[in-house]
Every structure is written in structure tokens, then in C-alpha cells.
């Protein structure tokens, strides 16, 4: 058995962010459980061709760990993974990370007032220097932080015959690099953020790409430049230059909220940019019409790409404007009845985002599971603490994502809230007042009601499919989130029970 004050589950941006915040606050009694063989979260798991961030590099990192070495405006996936490895080492966190150690279950022990985590090795542990070996058995912690991410479990569509496809078949987040797709006929399902990066890369190497589009996306120019050696040297020599750049990028991101959330003038201006981008890159009127969304700008995630439209407009790609309905051997059958023969199939079909798989593993007071508490959609006070689950914090979970700027900014605010609450805990059990959680959830609903995510005429992964509530996105700016968390004064937690007239 391992006994710690804080157990953190997940070593992606959220887990590393809260671990770093705890260390800076002078709290060293914690461990980070990571099921994989390295840190990095989604940037470790996603290795598909062309993977890169669509948030500017110098905003997609921790303020306490600026990186002067980013290669360009938008960092490649491998760079971001390397950055997170660097943060772990620079922050002295390596000996706190237990790799290949998945959480198999977490239960609140009401008698001892601790969390009991069951773990088991996920496979042979790499014997690289400085890395903790895989742990098995029980970890007992006063506080549990779930930093498991929202883009971890691929969503696999239910398609008749899919399991019998004879060729290479994989999700974009589980890219099979052993599959030789050069000269192959490749089917791609989906036209979201991953697909717009994958399709141009496949178009250059495959014999042909057949792209199944259920719903087109609004796409705006990506732009961006590579940073020169001189740029990187200047950033390294002048930290103030990086701070200034980050502040400028932050302001630009906050300004984007208006167009994404539904401000009429801002949305119209941004939509005009997207329409012009499509018209400039796709000459065929029929293809342009097929690629034009019929829902409001901002309702779904707005994508950035300069090479997706040219790829789709080329002879290398065929666009099928209907969903994949069935698989008949190596023939893909669209819902419009057309049939397409392929050698390999890539599912760029997103993730289980509003129904988090880890929630089934966590049991709070009375044995209630987090999945049960979230049966009508994820909720939490301050997007971070949950009624019925004492001393539990959830990062990057309910209403903690953004549609206009860097999610790392939200993680930093949540990590600051965690450390502030723990500093004021004084050893007492933190039980969230259910009314505080309901009030916060109602605040979210009111703020979201008029946004494009709710009224824009589309289905998106921000809204819970059962309750119809905005469950993933924060319906405001980062500034507003920081201010809302700053107003949390501790009254969100129930007072300690009184036993025989003496505070427990």
C-alpha cells in the first residue's frame, strides 16, 4: 500500500499542470498515476500524419514553463509531447509519476475519510533512468484529482460489418504505423479536426482517398509561420518577448469568443472569412455547396486548415456526402447507397467526450458512482468539485473546455483553485453542497442558452446527448472563468458535522 496526501490520475496537460501547481505551493506528498508508458496524454496517443495543434504554440503551454524552442506558430504533435516530458523533468516531477499504472477503481472510505485506489500494472515497465516502475495494489490518498482528459477514449461508430473489414482498420487516435498506406485506396470516416489534418497527408501518399462526410465544418485559414533560429534565440535570450507574445495571443483568443459564441456581427464577419476561404480554394460550385455547412458559424468546432480544401478538390480525393452505413468485405456502403472499394479504413470519428469512461470507476459516498451522478450530463461546482464525492477534484471535465482559445489556460485556473482549496482545508473533509453545484449548473445553462452551441442548428460534442445541456464547454471567456473561481470563497463546501456539541 502507498499512502499519500494527493493522488492524481492522468499525466497529460491536466495532471502535469496540477502536479506542478502543488509543487510550487510546497506540497510534495503526491503521486501521478499514468496508464501508459510515458506522459503526454492525447499528444502521446495521437501520432497520425500531419498532427499539430490549432492553438498558437506560445499559448498552448504553461505560463510557468515558457518554451522558446517551438518550431512555428502551430506546434507539431511530437513537439508538444516532448514539451510535456520537459515540464516533468524541469519541475522535478519525474519521481512522482507512476507509469504503466492504470487506476482500476477508486472508492471513498467513509470510515477512514480517504480515497482507496486500486491499481494494476498495464504491462512490463520500461527500465529507463529516473522513471518509477509500474505500481500495483492499493494507493490510499486524502485527496483524489481526476485529470484523465476528455479526448482519451476513441468513439467507434456502430456500423454493420465493420468488424469483418479485411484490411487495416484503425481509429485516428490509435494510428497503425505498421500499415503501409502508400499506393493504397484509403477510406476516411469523418471531417472533424483530425480528418482535416489527415486527409491532405493521405492524399499525397495513397492511390486514392474516399472521404465520408456526414456534416461539413466551417474552416478558416490556418496561416502561421515557422520560427527562424534567430526568432528562437531571441525568445530564449529575452523572456519578456515571450511574455509579450503570450499576452498578445491571449487577447486575440479572448476576442474570438464573440464569433464562436454567437455575437451576430462577430459571427457574420468570421463566417464571411470562412466562405471566402472555401470559394478561393474550391472552384467547383457543386463541391463548394457540398462543403458548405447549413448550420450557424460556431455551432460546431471551427477548424483551421490551408490544405484540406485543395486536397478534397483534387483528383486524389472523392467526397461522399453521406455517412458510412455498412461495410461489405472491402466495400464501404454509404447511406446514399453508393459503394466504394478500399484497401484500408481510418475512423476519424472523435471521442467519448461527454460520457467519460473513468466515471464508472469512481465511487463516492454511499457507493454512488460518478457515472451515476453524471447520468444526465457532467456537472460540478466551479467545473471542478462534485457533490457526493468528498475531497475529489476533476480537471478538464464538466464545462472546463473552450471553443475559442487554449484549454491549458483553463487547466491553470483549475489547478490554482485546487491548491487554494487545499491550502484552506485544514485537514477537514471537503464535501460540496449539492445546492452550490445546482446553482452553478443553472448559471451555466443560463449563460449557454443563447449561444450558437445550443441554438445553431447542429449536433456537437459539447452538448450532452441525453440531457441536452452544454456539458463540456465553459460558456464564457477565460477571464470570466478566472473571476468566477475567484468568487468561490469556501461556502461551496458543507460545514463539518457536529458531534456532541464539539466540531468533528
Protein backbone atom coordinates (compact mmCIF):
# COMPACT_ATOMS: atom_id res chain seq x y z
CA UNK A 1 0.00 0.00 0.00
CA UNK A 2 1.12 3.53 -0.84
CA UNK A 3 -0.10 6.41 1.37
CA UNK A 4 -0.12 9.98 0.01
CA UNK A 5 -1.95 13.23 0.55
CA UNK A 6 -2.95 13.64 -3.11
CA UNK A 7 -3.34 11.04 -5.87
CA UNK A 8 -3.55 12.45 -9.40
CA UNK A 9 -4.87 10.25 -12.20
CA UNK A 10 -3.53 11.11 -15.64
CA UNK A 11 -0.24 12.60 -16.85
CA UNK A 12 -1.39 14.78 -19.71
CA UNK A 13 -1.62 18.56 -19.56
CA UNK A 14 -4.15 18.49 -16.69
CA UNK A 15 -2.28 16.03 -14.48
CA UNK A 16 1.09 17.66 -15.06
CA UNK A 17 -0.47 21.08 -14.55
CA UNK A 18 -1.95 20.29 -11.14
CA UNK A 19 1.17 18.40 -10.04
CA UNK A 20 3.28 21.44 -10.96
CA UNK A 21 0.92 23.74 -9.06
CA UNK A 22 1.08 21.53 -5.96
CA UNK A 23 4.88 21.50 -6.11
CA UNK A 24 5.05 25.28 -6.44
CA UNK A 25 2.70 25.58 -3.44
CA UNK A 26 5.09 23.48 -1.35
CA UNK A 27 3.02 20.29 -1.45
CA UNK A 28 5.21 17.30 -2.23
CA UNK A 29 3.16 14.40 -0.91
CA UNK A 30 1.51 13.31 -4.14
CA UNK A 31 1.75 10.76 -6.93
CA UNK A 32 0.62 10.85 -10.54
CA UNK A 33 -0.82 7.64 -11.95
CA UNK A 34 -0.42 7.16 -15.69
CA UNK A 35 -1.69 4.08 -17.50
CA UNK A 36 0.65 4.45 -20.48
CA UNK A 37 4.42 4.11 -20.81
CA UNK A 38 5.07 7.85 -20.99
CA UNK A 39 3.44 11.13 -20.04
CA UNK A 40 1.69 13.30 -22.61
CA UNK A 41 -1.96 12.31 -22.75
CA UNK A 42 -3.62 12.95 -26.08
CA UNK A 43 -0.33 14.24 -27.52
CA UNK A 44 1.25 10.87 -26.75
CA UNK A 45 -1.66 8.86 -28.10
CA UNK A 46 -2.30 10.77 -31.32
CA UNK A 47 0.51 10.24 -33.81
CA UNK A 48 -1.37 10.38 -37.09
CA UNK A 49 0.23 12.04 -40.14
CA UNK A 50 0.02 15.81 -40.01
CA UNK A 51 -0.94 16.08 -36.34
CA UNK A 52 -0.45 19.58 -34.97
CA UNK A 53 -2.16 21.96 -32.58
CA UNK A 54 -4.66 24.54 -33.82
CA UNK A 55 -3.90 26.86 -30.90
CA UNK A 56 -0.76 29.03 -31.21
CA UNK A 57 2.23 27.31 -29.63
CA UNK A 58 3.11 30.05 -27.18
CA UNK A 59 -0.41 30.00 -25.75
CA UNK A 60 -0.56 26.21 -25.65
CA UNK A 61 1.81 25.76 -22.76
CA UNK A 62 2.13 26.57 -19.08
CA UNK A 63 2.87 30.15 -18.11
CA UNK A 64 5.47 28.87 -15.64
CA UNK A 65 7.22 26.88 -18.39
CA UNK A 66 7.59 29.05 -21.48
CA UNK A 67 9.19 27.27 -24.43
CA UNK A 68 11.38 29.44 -26.65
CA UNK A 69 12.11 26.48 -28.93
CA UNK A 70 8.71 25.98 -30.60
CA UNK A 71 9.33 25.41 -34.30
CA UNK A 72 6.49 27.60 -35.52
CA UNK A 73 3.20 29.33 -34.85
CA UNK A 74 1.46 25.96 -34.51
CA UNK A 75 3.38 23.16 -32.85
CA UNK A 76 3.52 19.62 -34.19
CA UNK A 77 2.17 16.84 -32.02
CA UNK A 78 5.58 15.30 -31.30
CA UNK A 79 6.85 18.70 -30.15
CA UNK A 80 4.02 19.03 -27.65
CA UNK A 81 4.68 15.55 -26.31
CA UNK A 82 8.36 16.44 -25.90
CA UNK A 83 7.37 19.69 -24.18
CA UNK A 84 5.34 17.82 -21.57
CA UNK A 85 8.24 15.46 -20.94
CA UNK A 86 10.42 18.55 -20.45
CA UNK A 87 7.97 20.10 -17.97
CA UNK A 88 8.00 16.90 -15.91
CA UNK A 89 11.79 16.99 -15.72
CA UNK A 90 12.10 20.76 -15.24
CA UNK A 91 9.53 20.67 -12.46
CA UNK A 92 11.20 17.76 -10.68
CA UNK A 93 8.09 15.61 -11.08
CA UNK A 94 9.65 12.51 -12.61
CA UNK A 95 9.90 10.57 -9.36
CA UNK A 96 6.24 11.31 -8.61
CA UNK A 97 4.94 9.73 -11.84
CA UNK A 98 3.96 6.06 -11.82
CA UNK A 99 3.93 4.92 -15.43
CA UNK A 100 2.00 1.88 -16.68
CA UNK A 101 -0.20 2.20 -13.61
CA UNK A 102 -3.86 2.44 -14.56
CA UNK A 103 -6.48 3.19 -11.96
CA UNK A 104 -8.78 0.17 -11.85
CA UNK A 105 -11.13 1.74 -9.33
CA UNK A 106 -11.40 4.47 -6.71
CA UNK A 107 -13.73 4.34 -3.71
CA UNK A 108 -14.35 6.76 -0.85
CA UNK A 109 -13.75 5.12 2.53
CA UNK A 110 -16.22 6.97 4.77
CA UNK A 111 -14.86 5.48 7.98
CA UNK A 112 -11.25 6.48 7.36
CA UNK A 113 -12.17 9.51 5.24
CA UNK A 114 -9.73 8.63 2.49
CA UNK A 115 -9.80 7.54 -1.12
CA UNK A 116 -8.74 3.97 -1.87
CA UNK A 117 -7.42 3.44 -5.38
CA UNK A 118 -6.95 0.00 -6.87
CA UNK A 119 -4.15 -0.16 -9.42
CA UNK A 120 -2.54 -2.85 -11.53
CA UNK A 121 0.40 -2.86 -13.92
CA UNK A 122 -0.59 -2.30 -17.54
CA UNK A 123 2.37 -4.30 -18.81
CA UNK A 124 6.14 -4.52 -18.47
CA UNK A 125 7.58 -1.30 -17.13
CA UNK A 126 10.38 0.33 -19.12
CA UNK A 127 13.60 0.45 -17.14
CA UNK A 128 14.67 3.87 -18.31
CA UNK A 129 16.57 6.03 -15.80
CA UNK A 130 14.55 8.17 -13.44
CA UNK A 131 11.21 6.57 -14.18
CA UNK A 132 9.15 4.95 -11.48
CA UNK A 133 8.34 1.29 -12.02
CA UNK A 134 4.75 0.28 -12.55
CA UNK A 135 2.79 0.10 -9.32
CA UNK A 136 0.20 -2.44 -8.32
CA UNK A 137 -2.02 -2.78 -5.31
CA UNK A 138 -3.70 -0.05 -3.31
CA UNK A 139 -2.98 3.66 -3.08
CA UNK A 140 -4.61 5.49 -0.18
CA UNK A 141 -4.99 9.26 -0.53
CA UNK A 142 -6.68 12.05 1.37
CA UNK A 143 -7.46 13.79 -1.92
CA UNK A 144 -8.17 12.43 -5.40
CA UNK A 145 -7.63 14.51 -8.54
CA UNK A 146 -9.06 13.13 -11.77
CA UNK A 147 -7.05 14.57 -14.65
CA UNK A 148 -7.98 11.89 -17.15
CA UNK A 149 -8.81 14.16 -20.07
CA UNK A 150 -11.87 14.27 -22.28
CA UNK A 151 -10.26 13.06 -25.54
CA UNK A 152 -8.88 9.74 -24.39
CA UNK A 153 -11.32 7.03 -25.47
CA UNK A 154 -11.98 6.80 -29.22
CA UNK A 155 -15.61 6.73 -30.29
CA UNK A 156 -16.08 3.78 -32.61
CA UNK A 157 -19.26 4.01 -34.68
CA UNK A 158 -21.67 1.10 -34.80
CA UNK A 159 -21.54 0.13 -38.45
CA UNK A 160 -22.80 -3.19 -39.74
CA UNK A 161 -19.95 -5.38 -40.94
CA UNK A 162 -17.20 -3.11 -39.64
CA UNK A 163 -15.61 -5.88 -37.61
CA UNK A 164 -15.22 -8.00 -40.76
CA UNK A 165 -13.31 -5.43 -42.81
CA UNK A 166 -10.33 -7.41 -44.16
CA UNK A 167 -7.74 -4.64 -44.43
CA UNK A 168 -6.03 -2.29 -41.99
CA UNK A 169 -8.67 -0.63 -39.80
CA UNK A 170 -7.94 1.82 -37.00
CA UNK A 171 -9.05 4.99 -35.27
CA UNK A 172 -7.08 8.17 -35.88
CA UNK A 173 -6.05 8.23 -32.19
CA UNK A 174 -4.63 4.70 -32.47
CA UNK A 175 -2.76 5.11 -35.73
CA UNK A 176 -1.26 1.86 -37.02
CA UNK A 177 2.15 2.86 -38.31
CA UNK A 178 2.80 -0.70 -39.47
CA UNK A 179 0.08 -0.32 -42.11
CA UNK A 180 1.61 0.70 -45.43
CA UNK A 181 -0.90 3.08 -46.97
CA UNK A 182 1.35 4.23 -49.82
CA UNK A 183 -0.40 3.40 -53.06
CA UNK A 184 -3.47 2.09 -51.23
CA UNK A 185 -7.11 3.02 -51.57
CA UNK A 186 -7.98 4.51 -48.19
CA UNK A 187 -11.38 5.30 -46.75
CA UNK A 188 -11.65 8.03 -44.11
CA UNK A 189 -14.76 8.45 -41.98
CA UNK A 190 -15.27 11.92 -40.54
CA UNK A 191 -14.43 15.52 -41.40
CA UNK A 192 -13.57 16.94 -37.99
CA UNK A 193 -10.36 18.36 -36.57
CA UNK A 194 -8.29 15.19 -37.02
CA UNK A 195 -9.59 14.44 -40.52
CA UNK A 196 -8.72 17.86 -41.92
CA UNK A 197 -5.11 17.20 -40.96
CA UNK A 198 -5.05 13.54 -42.04
CA UNK A 199 -6.71 13.78 -45.45
CA UNK A 200 -4.12 16.08 -47.09
CA UNK A 201 -1.32 13.79 -45.88
CA UNK A 202 -3.04 10.66 -47.20
CA UNK A 203 -3.85 12.40 -50.48
CA UNK A 204 -0.13 12.80 -51.10
CA UNK A 205 0.72 9.13 -50.47
CA UNK A 206 -2.33 6.95 -51.13
CA UNK A 207 -3.58 5.85 -54.52
CA UNK A 208 -6.93 7.40 -53.65
CA UNK A 209 -8.85 8.65 -50.62
CA UNK A 210 -12.60 8.23 -50.20
CA UNK A 211 -13.85 10.65 -47.57
CA UNK A 212 -17.20 10.12 -45.86
CA UNK A 213 -18.68 13.41 -44.71
CA UNK A 214 -21.80 13.37 -42.57
CA UNK A 215 -21.64 17.10 -41.78
CA UNK A 216 -19.24 19.70 -43.22
CA UNK A 217 -17.32 22.04 -40.93
CA UNK A 218 -16.69 25.75 -41.02
CA UNK A 219 -13.00 26.09 -41.88
CA UNK A 220 -10.94 29.27 -41.68
CA UNK A 221 -7.38 29.88 -42.93
CA UNK A 222 -4.66 28.48 -40.70
CA UNK A 223 -1.73 30.64 -41.69
CA UNK A 224 1.21 30.65 -39.34
CA UNK A 225 4.93 30.69 -39.97
CA UNK A 226 7.98 28.72 -38.96
CA UNK A 227 10.14 30.40 -36.34
CA UNK A 228 13.68 31.02 -37.50
CA UNK A 229 16.78 30.21 -35.49
CA UNK A 230 17.04 33.93 -34.82
CA UNK A 231 13.46 34.03 -33.51
CA UNK A 232 14.12 31.15 -31.12
CA UNK A 233 17.40 32.65 -29.97
CA UNK A 234 15.61 35.95 -29.25
CA UNK A 235 12.88 34.20 -27.29
CA UNK A 236 15.47 32.31 -25.26
CA UNK A 237 17.53 35.43 -24.55
CA UNK A 238 14.58 37.71 -23.85
CA UNK A 239 11.91 36.15 -21.65
CA UNK A 240 9.96 39.41 -21.78
CA UNK A 241 9.50 38.90 -25.54
CA UNK A 242 7.77 35.58 -24.84
CA UNK A 243 5.59 37.12 -22.13
CA UNK A 244 4.54 39.88 -24.52
CA UNK A 245 3.76 37.40 -27.30
CA UNK A 246 1.73 35.21 -24.95
CA UNK A 247 -0.24 38.24 -23.77
CA UNK A 248 -0.99 39.23 -27.37
CA UNK A 249 -2.11 35.70 -28.24
CA UNK A 250 -4.24 35.59 -25.10
CA UNK A 251 -6.01 38.81 -26.08
CA UNK A 252 -6.60 37.51 -29.61
CA UNK A 253 -8.07 34.30 -28.20
CA UNK A 254 -10.41 36.14 -25.86
CA UNK A 255 -11.57 38.31 -28.75
CA UNK A 256 -12.52 35.17 -30.71
CA UNK A 257 -15.11 34.22 -28.09
CA UNK A 258 -17.66 36.61 -29.62
CA UNK A 259 -17.67 34.92 -33.03
CA UNK A 260 -17.69 31.40 -31.59
CA UNK A 261 -20.47 32.00 -29.08
CA UNK A 262 -22.89 33.81 -31.34
CA UNK A 263 -22.38 37.57 -31.31
CA UNK A 264 -24.17 38.37 -34.57
CA UNK A 265 -21.73 40.87 -36.01
CA UNK A 266 -18.61 38.93 -34.99
CA UNK A 267 -20.07 35.63 -36.23
CA UNK A 268 -21.07 37.16 -39.56
CA UNK A 269 -17.58 38.56 -40.05
CA UNK A 270 -15.93 35.23 -39.21
CA UNK A 271 -18.38 33.30 -41.40
CA UNK A 272 -17.55 35.61 -44.31
CA UNK A 273 -13.88 34.72 -43.86
CA UNK A 274 -14.73 31.02 -43.92
CA UNK A 275 -16.92 31.35 -47.02
CA UNK A 276 -14.23 33.33 -48.84
CA UNK A 277 -11.65 30.71 -47.89
CA UNK A 278 -13.84 27.96 -49.37
CA UNK A 279 -14.54 29.92 -52.54
CA UNK A 280 -10.88 30.70 -53.08
CA UNK A 281 -9.80 27.09 -52.70
CA UNK A 282 -12.64 25.14 -54.33
CA UNK A 283 -13.58 26.11 -57.89
CA UNK A 284 -16.33 23.55 -58.48
CA UNK A 285 -19.70 25.08 -57.39
CA UNK A 286 -21.22 21.67 -56.63
CA UNK A 287 -18.28 20.66 -54.44
CA UNK A 288 -18.37 24.04 -52.71
CA UNK A 289 -22.02 23.54 -51.93
CA UNK A 290 -21.31 20.09 -50.50
CA UNK A 291 -18.61 21.55 -48.26
CA UNK A 292 -20.74 24.45 -47.01
CA UNK A 293 -22.34 23.93 -43.58
CA UNK A 294 -26.08 24.52 -43.18
CA UNK A 295 -25.77 25.48 -39.52
CA UNK A 296 -24.63 28.64 -37.76
CA UNK A 297 -20.97 29.52 -37.57
CA UNK A 298 -19.60 28.42 -34.18
CA UNK A 299 -22.21 25.73 -33.52
CA UNK A 300 -19.56 23.06 -34.09
CA UNK A 301 -15.84 23.42 -33.56
CA UNK A 302 -14.38 25.85 -36.09
CA UNK A 303 -11.44 24.25 -37.90
CA UNK A 304 -8.22 25.71 -39.25
CA UNK A 305 -6.67 24.43 -42.47
CA UNK A 306 -4.99 25.69 -45.61
CA UNK A 307 -4.63 22.34 -47.36
CA UNK A 308 -7.84 20.38 -46.66
CA UNK A 309 -9.96 22.06 -49.34
CA UNK A 310 -7.27 21.76 -52.05
CA UNK A 311 -6.89 18.07 -51.21
CA UNK A 312 -10.63 17.42 -51.40
CA UNK A 313 -10.83 19.36 -54.66
CA UNK A 314 -8.04 17.30 -56.22
CA UNK A 315 -8.36 14.05 -58.14
CA UNK A 316 -6.75 12.26 -55.20
CA UNK A 317 -9.89 12.51 -53.04
CA UNK A 318 -13.53 11.60 -53.57
CA UNK A 319 -16.04 13.23 -51.23
CA UNK A 320 -19.04 11.14 -50.23
CA UNK A 321 -21.64 13.46 -48.75
CA UNK A 322 -23.33 10.88 -46.56
CA UNK A 323 -22.43 8.71 -43.61
CA UNK A 324 -20.85 5.29 -43.82
CA UNK A 325 -23.78 2.91 -43.31
CA UNK A 326 -22.30 -0.56 -43.76
CA UNK A 327 -19.16 -2.48 -44.59
CA UNK A 328 -19.40 -5.38 -47.04
CA UNK A 329 -15.99 -7.01 -47.07
CA UNK A 330 -13.68 -4.38 -48.52
CA UNK A 331 -16.59 -2.39 -49.93
CA UNK A 332 -17.88 0.60 -48.00
CA UNK A 333 -21.57 1.30 -48.39
CA UNK A 334 -22.74 4.87 -47.84
CA UNK A 335 -26.18 5.77 -46.56
CA UNK A 336 -26.99 7.09 -50.05
CA UNK A 337 -26.45 3.56 -51.38
CA UNK A 338 -23.20 4.21 -53.21
CA UNK A 339 -20.45 1.59 -52.85
CA UNK A 340 -16.73 2.27 -52.60
CA UNK A 341 -13.91 -0.27 -52.66
CA UNK A 342 -10.98 0.46 -50.37
CA UNK A 343 -7.91 -1.33 -49.03
CA UNK A 344 -7.71 0.41 -45.65
CA UNK A 345 -10.10 2.31 -43.39
CA UNK A 346 -9.37 5.18 -40.98
CA UNK A 347 -12.00 6.21 -38.43
CA UNK A 348 -11.63 9.91 -37.61
CA UNK A 349 -14.79 9.71 -35.53
CA UNK A 350 -13.89 11.58 -32.37
CA UNK A 351 -14.05 10.58 -28.73
CA UNK A 352 -16.38 9.67 -25.89
CA UNK A 353 -16.28 13.26 -24.63
CA UNK A 354 -19.49 13.85 -22.67
CA UNK A 355 -19.64 10.31 -21.22
CA UNK A 356 -16.28 9.84 -19.56
CA UNK A 357 -15.29 6.15 -19.17
CA UNK A 358 -13.36 6.78 -15.95
CA UNK A 359 -16.59 7.87 -14.25
CA UNK A 360 -17.68 4.23 -13.95
CA UNK A 361 -14.61 3.51 -11.83
CA UNK A 362 -15.16 6.17 -9.15
CA UNK A 363 -17.49 5.57 -6.18
CA UNK A 364 -18.28 8.31 -3.69
CA UNK A 365 -20.41 8.49 -0.57
CA UNK A 366 -22.92 5.66 -0.27
CA UNK A 367 -21.24 3.82 -3.13
CA UNK A 368 -22.75 6.08 -5.81
CA UNK A 369 -20.64 6.19 -8.95
CA UNK A 370 -19.54 9.34 -10.69
CA UNK A 371 -21.14 7.94 -13.86
CA UNK A 372 -24.45 7.72 -12.00
CA UNK A 373 -24.13 11.27 -10.73
CA UNK A 374 -23.46 12.35 -14.31
CA UNK A 375 -26.23 10.27 -15.86
CA UNK A 376 -27.92 13.46 -17.08
CA UNK A 377 -24.65 15.07 -18.11
CA UNK A 378 -21.48 16.10 -16.33
CA UNK A 379 -21.83 18.72 -13.60
CA UNK A 380 -19.52 20.19 -10.97
CA UNK A 381 -19.22 23.32 -8.90
CA UNK A 382 -16.53 25.58 -10.36
CA UNK A 383 -16.27 22.94 -13.09
CA UNK A 384 -14.01 21.15 -10.61
CA UNK A 385 -15.65 19.71 -7.45
CA UNK A 386 -18.63 17.34 -7.28
CA UNK A 387 -21.35 16.86 -4.66
CA UNK A 388 -21.30 13.39 -3.11
CA UNK A 389 -17.60 12.90 -3.80
CA UNK A 390 -15.58 14.29 -0.88
CA UNK A 391 -12.05 15.57 -1.40
CA UNK A 392 -12.39 14.98 -5.15
CA UNK A 393 -11.33 17.37 -7.92
CA UNK A 394 -11.95 16.92 -11.64
CA UNK A 395 -9.82 18.82 -14.14
CA UNK A 396 -10.65 19.28 -17.81
CA UNK A 397 -14.10 17.82 -17.17
CA UNK A 398 -17.53 19.47 -16.85
CA UNK A 399 -17.73 22.90 -18.53
CA UNK A 400 -13.97 23.35 -18.48
CA UNK A 401 -13.23 23.29 -22.22
CA UNK A 402 -13.06 26.21 -24.62
CA UNK A 403 -14.16 26.78 -28.17
CA UNK A 404 -12.10 29.90 -28.74
CA UNK A 405 -8.72 29.63 -27.01
CA UNK A 406 -6.24 27.35 -25.25
CA UNK A 407 -7.57 24.68 -22.90
CA UNK A 408 -4.29 24.92 -21.00
CA UNK A 409 -5.43 28.29 -19.67
CA UNK A 410 -8.45 26.64 -18.07
CA UNK A 411 -6.29 23.89 -16.59
CA UNK A 412 -4.05 26.51 -14.98
CA UNK A 413 -7.08 28.21 -13.41
CA UNK A 414 -8.43 24.91 -12.10
CA UNK A 415 -5.03 23.92 -10.71
CA UNK A 416 -4.85 27.26 -8.90
CA UNK A 417 -8.30 26.62 -7.42
CA UNK A 418 -7.23 23.14 -6.25
CA UNK A 419 -4.16 24.45 -4.44
CA UNK A 420 -6.11 27.33 -2.89
CA UNK A 421 -8.80 24.99 -1.58
CA UNK A 422 -6.24 22.55 -0.21
CA UNK A 423 -4.33 25.34 1.49
CA UNK A 424 -7.50 26.31 3.33
CA UNK A 425 -8.70 22.79 4.03
CA UNK A 426 -7.01 22.41 7.40
CA UNK A 427 -7.47 18.67 7.39
CA UNK A 428 -11.26 18.76 7.14
CA UNK A 429 -13.22 16.76 4.60
CA UNK A 430 -14.40 18.83 1.65
CA UNK A 431 -18.00 17.95 0.87
CA UNK A 432 -19.62 20.00 -1.87
CA UNK A 433 -23.01 21.45 -1.05
CA UNK A 434 -25.41 19.94 -3.64
CA UNK A 435 -27.22 23.26 -3.82
CA UNK A 436 -23.96 25.02 -4.76
CA UNK A 437 -23.46 22.56 -7.60
CA UNK A 438 -27.06 23.01 -8.80
CA UNK A 439 -26.74 26.78 -8.68
CA UNK A 440 -23.52 26.69 -10.68
CA UNK A 441 -25.09 24.32 -13.21
CA UNK A 442 -28.03 26.69 -13.58
CA UNK A 443 -25.60 29.57 -14.15
CA UNK A 444 -24.00 27.59 -16.97
CA UNK A 445 -27.38 26.82 -18.50
CA UNK A 446 -28.46 30.46 -18.45
CA UNK A 447 -25.18 31.64 -19.97
CA UNK A 448 -25.31 28.94 -22.65
CA UNK A 449 -28.96 29.31 -23.62
CA UNK A 450 -28.46 31.90 -26.35
CA UNK A 451 -25.12 30.65 -27.67
CA UNK A 452 -24.63 29.04 -31.08
CA UNK A 453 -23.69 25.77 -29.37
CA UNK A 454 -27.29 25.49 -28.21
CA UNK A 455 -29.21 27.35 -30.91
CA UNK A 456 -27.05 26.96 -34.01
CA UNK A 457 -28.92 24.07 -35.61
CA UNK A 458 -26.25 21.39 -35.34
CA UNK A 459 -25.25 18.42 -33.22
CA UNK A 460 -21.93 18.96 -31.49
CA UNK A 461 -19.77 17.15 -28.95
CA UNK A 462 -20.11 19.98 -26.44
CA UNK A 463 -23.73 19.17 -25.60
CA UNK A 464 -24.77 16.10 -23.62
CA UNK A 465 -26.82 13.89 -25.89
CA UNK A 466 -29.27 12.81 -23.18
CA UNK A 467 -29.99 15.95 -21.20
CA UNK A 468 -29.38 18.47 -23.97
CA UNK A 469 -27.23 20.57 -21.59
CA UNK A 470 -23.95 22.19 -22.50
CA UNK A 471 -21.74 19.81 -20.55
CA UNK A 472 -18.23 20.32 -21.91
CA UNK A 473 -17.69 23.97 -22.78
CA UNK A 474 -17.37 26.94 -20.47
CA UNK A 475 -19.82 29.47 -21.98
CA UNK A 476 -17.58 32.46 -21.42
CA UNK A 477 -14.07 33.83 -21.67
CA UNK A 478 -11.03 32.71 -19.71
CA UNK A 479 -11.17 35.99 -17.82
CA UNK A 480 -14.74 35.19 -16.79
CA UNK A 481 -13.74 31.71 -15.62
CA UNK A 482 -10.90 33.11 -13.53
CA UNK A 483 -13.25 35.65 -11.97
CA UNK A 484 -15.90 33.01 -11.25
CA UNK A 485 -13.42 30.74 -9.49
CA UNK A 486 -12.07 33.70 -7.55
CA UNK A 487 -15.57 34.24 -6.13
CA UNK A 488 -15.59 30.73 -4.69
CA UNK A 489 -14.98 31.52 -1.02
CA UNK A 490 -15.31 28.09 0.53
CA UNK A 491 -19.06 28.32 1.05
CA UNK A 492 -19.40 25.72 -1.70
CA UNK A 493 -18.42 23.14 0.91
CA UNK A 494 -20.70 21.90 3.68
CA UNK A 495 -19.64 22.64 7.27
CA UNK A 496 -18.14 19.79 9.24
CA UNK A 497 -20.70 17.79 11.25
CA UNK A 498 -21.00 18.46 14.95
CA UNK A 499 -20.72 15.52 17.33
CA UNK A 500 -21.96 16.02 20.92
CA UNK A 501 -21.62 19.76 20.57
CA UNK A 502 -17.96 19.58 19.54
CA UNK A 503 -16.90 20.19 15.88
CA UNK A 504 -15.67 16.90 14.43
